[in-house]
Amino acid sequence: MGHHFTWGEVFKRSDRLADQHDWDGLIRLYDALDAALADESAEESADERELRQCRARVARVAVVELPVTRAPDAVRILVREYEDGPPHSDALWETLAHVRTWEEVGPHLRHPLLRHLVAHARVLRGEDLSGADGLDPGAYGGVPLSLAPWEAECWDVQEHPGSSGRSGGSAAIASLSSVGREGRKLLPAVGGGAVPVLAAPEALVPGAPTYTFVGVSGPVRCGVEQAAARYLRTLPADERPSYATPVSFAAAYPDLVLALGGSSAYGTVVSTALGRVAVWRMLRRFAGLPPTAAAADVSAFVAGLTCLTWELSSDEIWFVHLALGQGGLEGQGGVSWIVDGQDVD
């Protein structure tokens, strides 16, 4: 069925309505686009794609600009976008969490998954929601509703992905390149089998982004330096680095949140909430802890981790190269894992 909406017209109209504080008009525009999408055939067409882009644009403007008194409308629009499929929703819950406190939106969020996604996104923006009414401490495997000290150490709550502007923005890029070479270590020449093939982390919620550009190895029964050397030995000789730089897990944590939250070289969708949940799940798996293990047990595991990072000559835009080891001295046992990803132009 034909419609009269075009991207350029909707873009200008949504801005004009927001500038005029015509909130009723902005909501009517969103609802009209939603109704037009419902009238489209089940088979995706160019018209449907344009309508979806138009509706997503109006949704973002509404979530960013609607005043606190219209928070129920912003939440309704967020839920509608999310229920239409997270791949289409542009991680809009991150935008809501960026511009609104939990007190402002929490009472209106009834959708169980979105409620906790917004809550974890707010935790990463500095709120302590432990004990908050209506939040289930066991949701998402019991990831705590306040930042652990090792999370907060290097996480900058003032700099987080997801634009607070009307038009969105580029996602933050995960990269450990800022670590530099100070204190770097020569990797040993080692024997032993290859590191197990990297596998993408499991999906966190139905329809969540897949993490094309990052993988996690199975446990490697050796120290972290040997694990890194064995993993890198599979690369071509001219690509293979000889050195790795020690880094604390706290320093690597921000990149892991972004990488496991869907960041990529040119991606604009990234969820710190999903990334945080993925990091906690990964750590529990590494530690051999049950999926709902206490936060204190995870923190104790983190305290014993040794980490190395490196750079490749092929690194361009987006990359995370990290070896993590637990237990044993170098050459005397231990268990290690590799978290690795690269996305280039």
C-alpha atoms as a PDB file:
ATOM      1  CA  MET A   1       0.000   0.000   0.000  1.00  0.00           C
ATOM      2  CA  GLY A   2       1.345   3.427  -0.901  1.00  0.00           C
ATOM      3  CA  HIS A   3       2.098   6.117   1.664  1.00  0.00           C
ATOM      4  CA  HIS A   4       2.928   9.798   1.605  1.00  0.00           C
ATOM      5  CA  PHE A   5       5.963   9.807   3.926  1.00  0.00           C
ATOM      6  CA  THR A   6       9.475  10.506   2.669  1.00  0.00           C
ATOM      7  CA  TRP A   7      12.705  10.494   4.645  1.00  0.00           C
ATOM      8  CA  GLY A   8      13.572  14.134   3.984  1.00  0.00           C
ATOM      9  CA  GLU A   9      10.100  15.397   4.878  1.00  0.00           C
ATOM     10  CA  VAL A  10       9.895  13.315   8.073  1.00  0.00           C
ATOM     11  CA  PHE A  11      13.408  14.399   9.113  1.00  0.00           C
ATOM     12  CA  LYS A  12      12.528  18.092   8.848  1.00  0.00           C
ATOM     13  CA  ARG A  13       9.063  17.684  10.313  1.00  0.00           C
ATOM     14  CA  SER A  14      10.237  15.813  13.389  1.00  0.00           C
ATOM     15  CA  ASP A  15      12.868  18.476  14.059  1.00  0.00           C
ATOM     16  CA  ARG A  16      10.315  21.246  13.621  1.00  0.00           C
ATOM     17  CA  LEU A  17       7.825  19.616  15.984  1.00  0.00           C
ATOM     18  CA  ALA A  18      10.524  19.132  18.633  1.00  0.00           C
ATOM     19  CA  ASP A  19      11.784  22.701  18.244  1.00  0.00           C
ATOM     20  CA  GLN A  20       8.204  23.940  18.729  1.00  0.00           C
ATOM     21  CA  HIS A  21       7.690  21.615  21.697  1.00  0.00           C
ATOM     22  CA  ASP A  22       4.678  20.209  19.900  1.00  0.00           C
ATOM     23  CA  TRP A  23       4.841  16.904  21.715  1.00  0.00           C
ATOM     24  CA  ASP A  24       1.345  15.815  20.726  1.00  0.00           C
ATOM     25  CA  GLY A  25       2.198  16.433  17.077  1.00  0.00           C
ATOM     26  CA  LEU A  26       5.458  14.472  17.388  1.00  0.00           C
ATOM     27  CA  ILE A  27       3.664  11.505  18.930  1.00  0.00           C
ATOM     28  CA  ARG A  28       0.940  11.639  16.276  1.00  0.00           C
ATOM     29  CA  LEU A  29       3.638  11.555  13.596  1.00  0.00           C
ATOM     30  CA  TYR A  30       5.194   8.470  15.164  1.00  0.00           C
ATOM     31  CA  ASP A  31       1.818   6.733  15.423  1.00  0.00           C
ATOM     32  CA  ALA A  32       0.977   7.580  11.809  1.00  0.00           C
ATOM     33  CA  LEU A  33       4.248   6.057  10.631  1.00  0.00           C
ATOM     34  CA  ASP A  34       3.627   3.000  12.781  1.00  0.00           C
ATOM     35  CA  ALA A  35       0.156   2.583  11.290  1.00  0.00           C
ATOM     36  CA  ALA A  36       1.550   2.971   7.769  1.00  0.00           C
ATOM     37  CA  LEU A  37       4.096   0.233   8.494  1.00  0.00           C
ATOM     38  CA  ALA A  38       1.331  -2.046   9.722  1.00  0.00           C
ATOM     39  CA  ASP A  39      -0.422  -1.586   6.366  1.00  0.00           C
ATOM     40  CA  GLU A  40       2.653  -2.688   4.411  1.00  0.00           C
ATOM     41  CA  SER A  41       2.782  -6.222   3.035  1.00  0.00           C
ATOM     42  CA  ALA A  42       4.643  -8.886   4.965  1.00  0.00           C
ATOM     43  CA  GLU A  43       7.336  -8.991   2.278  1.00  0.00           C
ATOM     44  CA  GLU A  44       9.970  -6.312   2.819  1.00  0.00           C
ATOM     45  CA  SER A  45      10.006  -3.614   0.166  1.00  0.00           C
ATOM     46  CA  ALA A  46      11.798  -0.344  -0.475  1.00  0.00           C
ATOM     47  CA  ASP A  47       8.718   1.472   0.835  1.00  0.00           C
ATOM     48  CA  GLU A  48       8.796  -0.513   4.068  1.00  0.00           C
ATOM     49  CA  ARG A  49      12.514   0.147   4.571  1.00  0.00           C
ATOM     50  CA  GLU A  50      11.964   3.873   4.118  1.00  0.00           C
ATOM     51  CA  LEU A  51       9.018   3.844   6.500  1.00  0.00           C
ATOM     52  CA  ARG A  52      11.040   1.994   9.091  1.00  0.00           C
ATOM     53  CA  GLN A  53      13.866   4.517   8.805  1.00  0.00           C
ATOM     54  CA  CYS A  54      11.377   7.351   9.142  1.00  0.00           C
ATOM     55  CA  ARG A  55       9.742   5.820  12.185  1.00  0.00           C
ATOM     56  CA  ALA A  56      13.125   5.140  13.802  1.00  0.00           C
ATOM     57  CA  ARG A  57      14.098   8.772  13.261  1.00  0.00           C
ATOM     58  CA  VAL A  58      10.935  10.041  14.945  1.00  0.00           C
ATOM     59  CA  ALA A  59      11.396   7.517  17.756  1.00  0.00           C
ATOM     60  CA  ARG A  60      14.889   8.820  18.472  1.00  0.00           C
ATOM     61  CA  VAL A  61      13.755  12.443  18.464  1.00  0.00           C
ATOM     62  CA  ALA A  62      10.923  11.550  20.828  1.00  0.00           C
ATOM     63  CA  VAL A  63      13.144   9.621  23.244  1.00  0.00           C
ATOM     64  CA  VAL A  64      15.732  12.417  23.284  1.00  0.00           C
ATOM     65  CA  GLU A  65      13.437  15.445  23.370  1.00  0.00           C
ATOM     66  CA  LEU A  66      10.214  14.546  25.185  1.00  0.00           C
ATOM     67  CA  PRO A  67      10.139  16.208  28.623  1.00  0.00           C
ATOM     68  CA  VAL A  68      10.025  14.207  31.832  1.00  0.00           C
ATOM     69  CA  THR A  69       6.276  14.789  32.039  1.00  0.00           C
ATOM     70  CA  ARG A  70       5.920  12.809  28.807  1.00  0.00           C
ATOM     71  CA  ALA A  71       8.148   9.932  29.934  1.00  0.00           C
ATOM     72  CA  PRO A  72       5.299   7.398  29.529  1.00  0.00           C
ATOM     73  CA  ASP A  73       5.090   8.340  25.824  1.00  0.00           C
ATOM     74  CA  ALA A  74       8.853   7.994  25.379  1.00  0.00           C
ATOM     75  CA  VAL A  75       8.767   4.569  27.026  1.00  0.00           C
ATOM     76  CA  ARG A  76       5.807   3.432  24.895  1.00  0.00           C
ATOM     77  CA  ILE A  77       7.682   4.377  21.737  1.00  0.00           C
ATOM     78  CA  LEU A  78      10.850   2.652  22.954  1.00  0.00           C
ATOM     79  CA  VAL A  79       8.909  -0.545  23.683  1.00  0.00           C
ATOM     80  CA  ARG A  80       7.254  -0.459  20.253  1.00  0.00           C
ATOM     81  CA  GLU A  81      10.614  -0.088  18.513  1.00  0.00           C
ATOM     82  CA  TYR A  82      12.135  -2.874  20.590  1.00  0.00           C
ATOM     83  CA  GLU A  83       9.259  -5.283  20.060  1.00  0.00           C
ATOM     84  CA  ASP A  84       9.529  -4.752  16.317  1.00  0.00           C
ATOM     85  CA  GLY A  85      12.975  -6.312  16.585  1.00  0.00           C
ATOM     86  CA  PRO A  86      16.181  -5.222  18.371  1.00  0.00           C
ATOM     87  CA  PRO A  87      18.089  -5.062  15.045  1.00  0.00           C
ATOM     88  CA  HIS A  88      15.733  -2.232  14.026  1.00  0.00           C
ATOM     89  CA  SER A  89      15.718  -0.471  17.377  1.00  0.00           C
ATOM     90  CA  ASP A  90      19.229   1.011  17.120  1.00  0.00           C
ATOM     91  CA  ALA A  91      19.803   0.196  20.806  1.00  0.00           C
ATOM     92  CA  LEU A  92      17.370   2.998  21.604  1.00  0.00           C
ATOM     93  CA  TRP A  93      17.336   1.922  25.243  1.00  0.00           C
ATOM     94  CA  GLU A  94      20.904   3.244  25.451  1.00  0.00           C
ATOM     95  CA  THR A  95      19.728   6.655  24.273  1.00  0.00           C
ATOM     96  CA  LEU A  96      16.951   6.689  26.856  1.00  0.00           C
ATOM     97  CA  ALA A  97      19.442   5.726  29.557  1.00  0.00           C
ATOM     98  CA  HIS A  98      21.756   8.472  28.343  1.00  0.00           C
ATOM     99  CA  VAL A  99      19.215  11.271  28.741  1.00  0.00           C
ATOM    100  CA  ARG A 100      17.004  10.072  31.614  1.00  0.00           C
ATOM    101  CA  THR A 101      17.680   8.880  35.158  1.00  0.00           C
ATOM    102  CA  TRP A 102      16.150   5.678  36.463  1.00  0.00           C
ATOM    103  CA  GLU A 103      13.825   7.669  38.720  1.00  0.00           C
ATOM    104  CA  GLU A 104      12.403   9.423  35.663  1.00  0.00           C
ATOM    105  CA  VAL A 105      11.717   6.364  33.500  1.00  0.00           C
ATOM    106  CA  GLY A 106      11.855   3.301  35.743  1.00  0.00           C
ATOM    107  CA  PRO A 107       8.259   3.585  37.004  1.00  0.00           C
ATOM    108  CA  HIS A 108       6.961   3.558  33.408  1.00  0.00           C
ATOM    109  CA  LEU A 109       9.038   0.614  32.130  1.00  0.00           C
ATOM    110  CA  ARG A 110       6.994  -2.563  32.375  1.00  0.00           C
ATOM    111  CA  HIS A 111       8.691  -4.596  29.636  1.00  0.00           C
ATOM    112  CA  PRO A 112      10.852  -7.043  31.659  1.00  0.00           C
ATOM    113  CA  LEU A 113      13.812  -7.249  29.267  1.00  0.00           C
ATOM    114  CA  LEU A 114      13.907  -3.565  28.406  1.00  0.00           C
ATOM    115  CA  ARG A 115      13.483  -2.612  32.042  1.00  0.00           C
ATOM    116  CA  HIS A 116      16.688  -4.382  32.969  1.00  0.00           C
ATOM    117  CA  LEU A 117      18.574  -3.294  29.849  1.00  0.00           C
ATOM    118  CA  VAL A 118      17.867   0.334  30.735  1.00  0.00           C
ATOM    119  CA  ALA A 119      18.798  -0.357  34.356  1.00  0.00           C
ATOM    120  CA  HIS A 120      22.209  -1.818  33.418  1.00  0.00           C
ATOM    121  CA  ALA A 121      22.804   1.050  31.003  1.00  0.00           C
ATOM    122  CA  ARG A 122      22.077   3.475  33.858  1.00  0.00           C
ATOM    123  CA  VAL A 123      24.462   1.565  36.148  1.00  0.00           C
ATOM    124  CA  LEU A 124      27.176   2.114  33.536  1.00  0.00           C
ATOM    125  CA  ARG A 125      26.294   5.792  33.631  1.00  0.00           C
ATOM    126  CA  GLY A 126      27.006   6.010  37.326  1.00  0.00           C
ATOM    127  CA  GLU A 127      23.741   5.065  39.054  1.00  0.00           C
ATOM    128  CA  ASP A 128      23.686   2.568  41.902  1.00  0.00           C
ATOM    129  CA  LEU A 129      20.419   0.674  41.492  1.00  0.00           C
ATOM    130  CA  SER A 130      21.084  -2.099  43.985  1.00  0.00           C
ATOM    131  CA  GLY A 131      17.919  -2.443  46.011  1.00  0.00           C
ATOM    132  CA  ALA A 132      15.850  -0.362  43.579  1.00  0.00           C
ATOM    133  CA  ASP A 133      12.160  -1.190  43.607  1.00  0.00           C
ATOM    134  CA  GLY A 134      10.919  -3.386  40.775  1.00  0.00           C
ATOM    135  CA  LEU A 135      14.322  -4.675  39.659  1.00  0.00           C
ATOM    136  CA  ASP A 136      15.117  -8.359  39.925  1.00  0.00           C
ATOM    137  CA  PRO A 137      18.675  -8.897  41.234  1.00  0.00           C
ATOM    138  CA  GLY A 138      18.645 -12.280  39.499  1.00  0.00           C
ATOM    139  CA  ALA A 139      17.780 -10.935  36.044  1.00  0.00           C
ATOM    140  CA  TYR A 140      20.435 -11.530  33.389  1.00  0.00           C
ATOM    141  CA  GLY A 141      22.149 -14.078  35.607  1.00  0.00           C
ATOM    142  CA  GLY A 142      22.446 -11.827  38.605  1.00  0.00           C
ATOM    143  CA  VAL A 143      24.778  -9.210  37.139  1.00  0.00           C
ATOM    144  CA  PRO A 144      24.912  -6.696  40.011  1.00  0.00           C
ATOM    145  CA  LEU A 145      22.978  -3.453  39.768  1.00  0.00           C
ATOM    146  CA  SER A 146      25.975  -1.383  40.808  1.00  0.00           C
ATOM    147  CA  LEU A 147      29.483  -1.271  39.386  1.00  0.00           C
ATOM    148  CA  ALA A 148      32.083  -3.514  40.982  1.00  0.00           C
ATOM    149  CA  PRO A 149      35.298  -1.627  41.893  1.00  0.00           C
ATOM    150  CA  TRP A 150      37.198  -3.276  39.021  1.00  0.00           C
ATOM    151  CA  GLU A 151      34.464  -2.142  36.598  1.00  0.00           C
ATOM    152  CA  ALA A 152      34.526   1.441  37.832  1.00  0.00           C
ATOM    153  CA  GLU A 153      38.322   1.763  37.925  1.00  0.00           C
ATOM    154  CA  CYS A 154      38.810   2.603  34.221  1.00  0.00           C
ATOM    155  CA  TRP A 155      35.232   3.020  32.998  1.00  0.00           C
ATOM    156  CA  ASP A 156      34.519   6.689  32.264  1.00  0.00           C
ATOM    157  CA  VAL A 157      30.858   7.278  33.068  1.00  0.00           C
ATOM    158  CA  GLN A 158      31.009  10.569  31.175  1.00  0.00           C
ATOM    159  CA  GLU A 159      32.035   8.930  27.911  1.00  0.00           C
ATOM    160  CA  HIS A 160      29.745   6.226  26.719  1.00  0.00           C
ATOM    161  CA  PRO A 161      28.429   5.202  23.328  1.00  0.00           C
ATOM    162  CA  GLY A 162      25.006   6.070  22.043  1.00  0.00           C
ATOM    163  CA  SER A 163      24.430   9.652  21.056  1.00  0.00           C
ATOM    164  CA  SER A 164      22.114  11.812  23.088  1.00  0.00           C
ATOM    165  CA  GLY A 165      21.382  13.793  19.921  1.00  0.00           C
ATOM    166  CA  ARG A 166      18.434  13.522  17.555  1.00  0.00           C
ATOM    167  CA  SER A 167      20.374  11.869  14.771  1.00  0.00           C
ATOM    168  CA  GLY A 168      22.383   9.347  16.746  1.00  0.00           C
ATOM    169  CA  GLY A 169      26.075   9.051  16.076  1.00  0.00           C
ATOM    170  CA  SER A 170      28.920   6.671  15.498  1.00  0.00           C
ATOM    171  CA  ALA A 171      29.379   3.934  18.058  1.00  0.00           C
ATOM    172  CA  ALA A 172      32.419   3.986  20.279  1.00  0.00           C
ATOM    173  CA  ILE A 173      35.221   1.838  18.930  1.00  0.00           C
ATOM    174  CA  ALA A 174      36.864  -0.789  21.075  1.00  0.00           C
ATOM    175  CA  SER A 175      40.639  -0.619  20.808  1.00  0.00           C
ATOM    176  CA  LEU A 176      43.450  -1.307  23.249  1.00  0.00           C
ATOM    177  CA  SER A 177      45.964   0.616  21.141  1.00  0.00           C
ATOM    178  CA  SER A 178      46.248   3.366  23.753  1.00  0.00           C
ATOM    179  CA  VAL A 179      48.071   0.955  26.077  1.00  0.00           C
ATOM    180  CA  GLY A 180      51.304   1.572  24.206  1.00  0.00           C
ATOM    181  CA  ARG A 181      54.513  -0.407  24.531  1.00  0.00           C
ATOM    182  CA  GLU A 182      55.728   0.551  27.978  1.00  0.00           C
ATOM    183  CA  GLY A 183      56.644  -2.578  29.910  1.00  0.00           C
ATOM    184  CA  ARG A 184      56.021  -4.848  26.946  1.00  0.00           C
ATOM    185  CA  LYS A 185      57.339  -8.390  27.173  1.00  0.00           C
ATOM    186  CA  LEU A 186      59.015 -10.627  24.636  1.00  0.00           C
ATOM    187  CA  LEU A 187      56.766 -13.602  24.026  1.00  0.00           C
ATOM    188  CA  PRO A 188      58.379 -17.011  24.481  1.00  0.00           C
ATOM    189  CA  ALA A 189      59.071 -19.456  21.675  1.00  0.00           C
ATOM    190  CA  VAL A 190      56.790 -22.274  22.747  1.00  0.00           C
ATOM    191  CA  GLY A 191      55.647 -25.686  21.679  1.00  0.00           C
ATOM    192  CA  GLY A 192      52.254 -27.192  22.213  1.00  0.00           C
ATOM    193  CA  GLY A 193      49.100 -27.418  20.178  1.00  0.00           C
ATOM    194  CA  ALA A 194      47.170 -24.563  18.678  1.00  0.00           C
ATOM    195  CA  VAL A 195      44.767 -22.514  20.757  1.00  0.00           C
ATOM    196  CA  PRO A 196      41.182 -23.747  20.246  1.00  0.00           C
ATOM    197  CA  VAL A 197      39.287 -22.009  17.465  1.00  0.00           C
ATOM    198  CA  LEU A 198      37.601 -18.835  18.607  1.00  0.00           C
ATOM    199  CA  ALA A 199      33.815 -18.967  18.859  1.00  0.00           C
ATOM    200  CA  ALA A 200      31.468 -16.001  18.992  1.00  0.00           C
ATOM    201  CA  PRO A 201      29.867 -15.362  22.395  1.00  0.00           C
ATOM    202  CA  GLU A 202      26.361 -16.678  22.843  1.00  0.00           C
ATOM    203  CA  ALA A 203      23.366 -14.454  22.196  1.00  0.00           C
ATOM    204  CA  LEU A 204      22.199 -12.706  25.337  1.00  0.00           C
ATOM    205  CA  VAL A 205      18.558 -12.134  24.515  1.00  0.00           C
ATOM    206  CA  PRO A 206      16.457 -13.242  21.535  1.00  0.00           C
ATOM    207  CA  GLY A 207      17.255 -11.066  18.550  1.00  0.00           C
ATOM    208  CA  ALA A 208      20.275  -9.409  20.165  1.00  0.00           C
ATOM    209  CA  PRO A 209      23.142  -8.392  17.867  1.00  0.00           C
ATOM    210  CA  THR A 210      25.600 -11.100  16.893  1.00  0.00           C
ATOM    211  CA  TYR A 211      29.221 -10.329  17.592  1.00  0.00           C
ATOM    212  CA  THR A 212      30.751 -10.909  14.200  1.00  0.00           C
ATOM    213  CA  PHE A 213      34.080  -9.340  14.971  1.00  0.00           C
ATOM    214  CA  VAL A 214      35.010 -10.808  18.330  1.00  0.00           C
ATOM    215  CA  GLY A 215      35.564 -14.369  19.493  1.00  0.00           C
ATOM    216  CA  VAL A 216      36.486 -16.121  22.717  1.00  0.00           C
ATOM    217  CA  SER A 217      38.693 -19.210  22.914  1.00  0.00           C
ATOM    218  CA  GLY A 218      38.169 -22.221  25.070  1.00  0.00           C
ATOM    219  CA  PRO A 219      40.537 -22.727  28.028  1.00  0.00           C
ATOM    220  CA  VAL A 220      44.214 -23.157  27.153  1.00  0.00           C
ATOM    221  CA  ARG A 221      46.140 -25.216  29.700  1.00  0.00           C
ATOM    222  CA  CYS A 222      49.186 -23.015  30.036  1.00  0.00           C
ATOM    223  CA  GLY A 223      50.271 -19.611  31.305  1.00  0.00           C
ATOM    224  CA  VAL A 224      49.107 -16.418  29.666  1.00  0.00           C
ATOM    225  CA  GLU A 225      52.400 -15.707  27.853  1.00  0.00           C
ATOM    226  CA  GLN A 226      52.468 -19.179  26.353  1.00  0.00           C
ATOM    227  CA  ALA A 227      48.816 -18.914  25.375  1.00  0.00           C
ATOM    228  CA  ALA A 228      49.388 -15.620  23.573  1.00  0.00           C
ATOM    229  CA  ALA A 229      52.471 -16.991  21.805  1.00  0.00           C
ATOM    230  CA  ARG A 230      50.657 -20.164  20.738  1.00  0.00           C
ATOM    231  CA  TYR A 231      47.706 -18.194  19.435  1.00  0.00           C
ATOM    232  CA  LEU A 232      49.842 -15.715  17.504  1.00  0.00           C
ATOM    233  CA  ARG A 233      52.061 -18.444  16.068  1.00  0.00           C
ATOM    234  CA  THR A 234      49.234 -19.334  13.663  1.00  0.00           C
ATOM    235  CA  LEU A 235      49.566 -15.926  11.956  1.00  0.00           C
ATOM    236  CA  PRO A 236      51.855 -15.324   8.957  1.00  0.00           C
ATOM    237  CA  ALA A 237      55.420 -14.576  10.025  1.00  0.00           C
ATOM    238  CA  ASP A 238      55.350 -10.967   8.803  1.00  0.00           C
ATOM    239  CA  GLU A 239      52.121 -10.343  10.719  1.00  0.00           C
ATOM    240  CA  ARG A 240      53.089 -12.046  13.961  1.00  0.00           C
ATOM    241  CA  PRO A 241      54.118  -9.739  16.840  1.00  0.00           C
ATOM    242  CA  SER A 242      56.951 -10.831  19.114  1.00  0.00           C
ATOM    243  CA  TYR A 243      55.915  -8.673  22.063  1.00  0.00           C
ATOM    244  CA  ALA A 244      52.828  -8.229  24.228  1.00  0.00           C
ATOM    245  CA  THR A 245      52.057  -5.579  26.814  1.00  0.00           C
ATOM    246  CA  PRO A 246      50.760  -6.389  30.299  1.00  0.00           C
ATOM    247  CA  VAL A 247      47.476  -4.678  31.104  1.00  0.00           C
ATOM    248  CA  SER A 248      45.143  -4.929  34.052  1.00  0.00           C
ATOM    249  CA  PHE A 249      41.730  -6.471  33.522  1.00  0.00           C
ATOM    250  CA  ALA A 250      40.229  -3.191  34.730  1.00  0.00           C
ATOM    251  CA  ALA A 251      41.973  -1.371  31.866  1.00  0.00           C
ATOM    252  CA  ALA A 252      40.675  -3.911  29.351  1.00  0.00           C
ATOM    253  CA  TYR A 253      37.131  -3.868  30.749  1.00  0.00           C
ATOM    254  CA  PRO A 254      35.831  -0.818  28.799  1.00  0.00           C
ATOM    255  CA  ASP A 255      36.917  -2.347  25.490  1.00  0.00           C
ATOM    256  CA  LEU A 256      35.349  -5.668  26.368  1.00  0.00           C
ATOM    257  CA  VAL A 257      32.040  -3.976  27.203  1.00  0.00           C
ATOM    258  CA  LEU A 258      32.039  -2.266  23.822  1.00  0.00           C
ATOM    259  CA  ALA A 259      33.239  -5.284  21.847  1.00  0.00           C
ATOM    260  CA  LEU A 260      30.731  -7.685  23.394  1.00  0.00           C
ATOM    261  CA  GLY A 261      28.041  -5.018  23.172  1.00  0.00           C
ATOM    262  CA  GLY A 262      28.125  -5.013  19.381  1.00  0.00           C
ATOM    263  CA  SER A 263      30.773  -2.430  18.505  1.00  0.00           C
ATOM    264  CA  SER A 264      32.450  -2.688  15.090  1.00  0.00           C
ATOM    265  CA  ALA A 265      34.456  -0.509  12.755  1.00  0.00           C
ATOM    266  CA  TYR A 266      31.511   1.238  11.134  1.00  0.00           C
ATOM    267  CA  GLY A 267      28.701   0.107  13.412  1.00  0.00           C
ATOM    268  CA  THR A 268      26.356   2.637  14.968  1.00  0.00           C
ATOM    269  CA  VAL A 269      24.550   0.167  17.226  1.00  0.00           C
ATOM    270  CA  VAL A 270      26.244  -0.694  20.460  1.00  0.00           C
ATOM    271  CA  SER A 271      24.736  -1.622  23.809  1.00  0.00           C
ATOM    272  CA  THR A 272      26.819  -1.140  26.906  1.00  0.00           C
ATOM    273  CA  ALA A 273      24.101  -2.975  28.846  1.00  0.00           C
ATOM    274  CA  LEU A 274      24.402  -6.097  26.682  1.00  0.00           C
ATOM    275  CA  GLY A 275      28.181  -5.777  26.722  1.00  0.00           C
ATOM    276  CA  ARG A 276      28.311  -5.628  30.515  1.00  0.00           C
ATOM    277  CA  VAL A 277      26.108  -8.712  30.871  1.00  0.00           C
ATOM    278  CA  ALA A 278      28.307 -10.542  28.334  1.00  0.00           C
ATOM    279  CA  VAL A 279      31.496  -9.698  30.249  1.00  0.00           C
ATOM    280  CA  TRP A 280      30.045 -11.072  33.481  1.00  0.00           C
ATOM    281  CA  ARG A 281      28.850 -14.232  31.722  1.00  0.00           C
ATOM    282  CA  MET A 282      32.250 -14.677  30.124  1.00  0.00           C
ATOM    283  CA  LEU A 283      34.041 -14.303  33.454  1.00  0.00           C
ATOM    284  CA  ARG A 284      31.779 -16.820  35.177  1.00  0.00           C
ATOM    285  CA  ARG A 285      32.406 -19.288  32.380  1.00  0.00           C
ATOM    286  CA  PHE A 286      36.169 -18.760  32.567  1.00  0.00           C
ATOM    287  CA  ALA A 287      36.127 -19.202  36.345  1.00  0.00           C
ATOM    288  CA  GLY A 288      34.051 -22.370  36.159  1.00  0.00           C
ATOM    289  CA  LEU A 289      31.377 -20.683  38.253  1.00  0.00           C
ATOM    290  CA  PRO A 290      27.649 -21.354  37.909  1.00  0.00           C
ATOM    291  CA  PRO A 291      25.749 -18.806  35.769  1.00  0.00           C
ATOM    292  CA  THR A 292      24.285 -17.189  38.872  1.00  0.00           C
ATOM    293  CA  ALA A 293      27.455 -17.168  41.002  1.00  0.00           C
ATOM    294  CA  ALA A 294      27.768 -14.345  43.512  1.00  0.00           C
ATOM    295  CA  ALA A 295      29.375 -11.114  42.361  1.00  0.00           C
ATOM    296  CA  ALA A 296      32.017 -11.489  45.083  1.00  0.00           C
ATOM    297  CA  ASP A 297      33.171 -14.774  43.535  1.00  0.00           C
ATOM    298  CA  VAL A 298      33.528 -13.127  40.125  1.00  0.00           C
ATOM    299  CA  SER A 299      35.472 -10.227  41.641  1.00  0.00           C
ATOM    300  CA  ALA A 300      37.806 -12.676  43.390  1.00  0.00           C
ATOM    301  CA  PHE A 301      38.474 -14.362  40.041  1.00  0.00           C
ATOM    302  CA  VAL A 302      39.164 -11.000  38.373  1.00  0.00           C
ATOM    303  CA  ALA A 303      41.655 -10.118  41.105  1.00  0.00           C
ATOM    304  CA  GLY A 304      43.809 -13.105  40.106  1.00  0.00           C
ATOM    305  CA  LEU A 305      43.805 -12.486  36.347  1.00  0.00           C
ATOM    306  CA  THR A 306      46.940 -11.631  34.382  1.00  0.00           C
ATOM    307  CA  CYS A 307      46.308  -9.990  30.999  1.00  0.00           C
ATOM    308  CA  LEU A 308      48.353  -9.251  27.884  1.00  0.00           C
ATOM    309  CA  THR A 309      47.475  -7.235  24.811  1.00  0.00           C
ATOM    310  CA  TRP A 310      49.219  -6.757  21.459  1.00  0.00           C
ATOM    311  CA  GLU A 311      48.917  -5.010  18.129  1.00  0.00           C
ATOM    312  CA  LEU A 312      48.988  -6.394  14.593  1.00  0.00           C
ATOM    313  CA  SER A 313      50.305  -4.648  11.513  1.00  0.00           C
ATOM    314  CA  SER A 314      46.887  -5.166   9.932  1.00  0.00           C
ATOM    315  CA  ASP A 315      45.023  -3.314  12.718  1.00  0.00           C
ATOM    316  CA  GLU A 316      43.214  -0.301  11.311  1.00  0.00           C
ATOM    317  CA  ILE A 317      39.926   0.817  12.823  1.00  0.00           C
ATOM    318  CA  TRP A 318      38.598  -1.634  15.378  1.00  0.00           C
ATOM    319  CA  PHE A 319      40.449  -4.329  17.266  1.00  0.00           C
ATOM    320  CA  VAL A 320      40.635  -6.087  20.602  1.00  0.00           C
ATOM    321  CA  HIS A 321      43.522  -8.488  21.227  1.00  0.00           C
ATOM    322  CA  LEU A 322      43.651  -9.867  24.744  1.00  0.00           C
ATOM    323  CA  ALA A 323      45.011 -12.924  26.537  1.00  0.00           C
ATOM    324  CA  LEU A 324      43.807 -13.587  30.071  1.00  0.00           C
ATOM    325  CA  GLY A 325      45.431 -16.047  32.459  1.00  0.00           C
ATOM    326  CA  GLN A 326      44.550 -17.408  35.884  1.00  0.00           C
ATOM    327  CA  GLY A 327      46.636 -19.496  38.243  1.00  0.00           C
ATOM    328  CA  GLY A 328      50.162 -20.889  38.063  1.00  0.00           C
ATOM    329  CA  LEU A 329      53.474 -19.224  37.302  1.00  0.00           C
ATOM    330  CA  GLU A 330      54.771 -18.993  33.761  1.00  0.00           C
ATOM    331  CA  GLY A 331      55.903 -22.430  32.734  1.00  0.00           C
ATOM    332  CA  GLN A 332      54.217 -24.045  35.748  1.00  0.00           C
ATOM    333  CA  GLY A 333      50.640 -24.567  34.658  1.00  0.00           C
ATOM    334  CA  GLY A 334      47.737 -22.191  34.705  1.00  0.00           C
ATOM    335  CA  VAL A 335      44.704 -21.698  32.505  1.00  0.00           C
ATOM    336  CA  SER A 336      44.363 -18.949  29.888  1.00  0.00           C
ATOM    337  CA  TRP A 337      41.858 -17.659  27.370  1.00  0.00           C
ATOM    338  CA  ILE A 338      42.033 -15.499  24.254  1.00  0.00           C
ATOM    339  CA  VAL A 339      39.543 -12.739  23.389  1.00  0.00           C
ATOM    340  CA  ASP A 340      40.255 -11.449  19.904  1.00  0.00           C
ATOM    341  CA  GLY A 341      38.555  -9.366  17.266  1.00  0.00           C
ATOM    342  CA  GLN A 342      39.391  -7.160  14.308  1.00  0.00           C
ATOM    343  CA  ASP A 343      37.307  -5.240  11.814  1.00  0.00           C
ATOM    344  CA  VAL A 344      38.968  -3.340   8.988  1.00  0.00           C
ATOM    345  CA  ASP A 345      37.949  -1.175   6.082  1.00  0.00           C
END
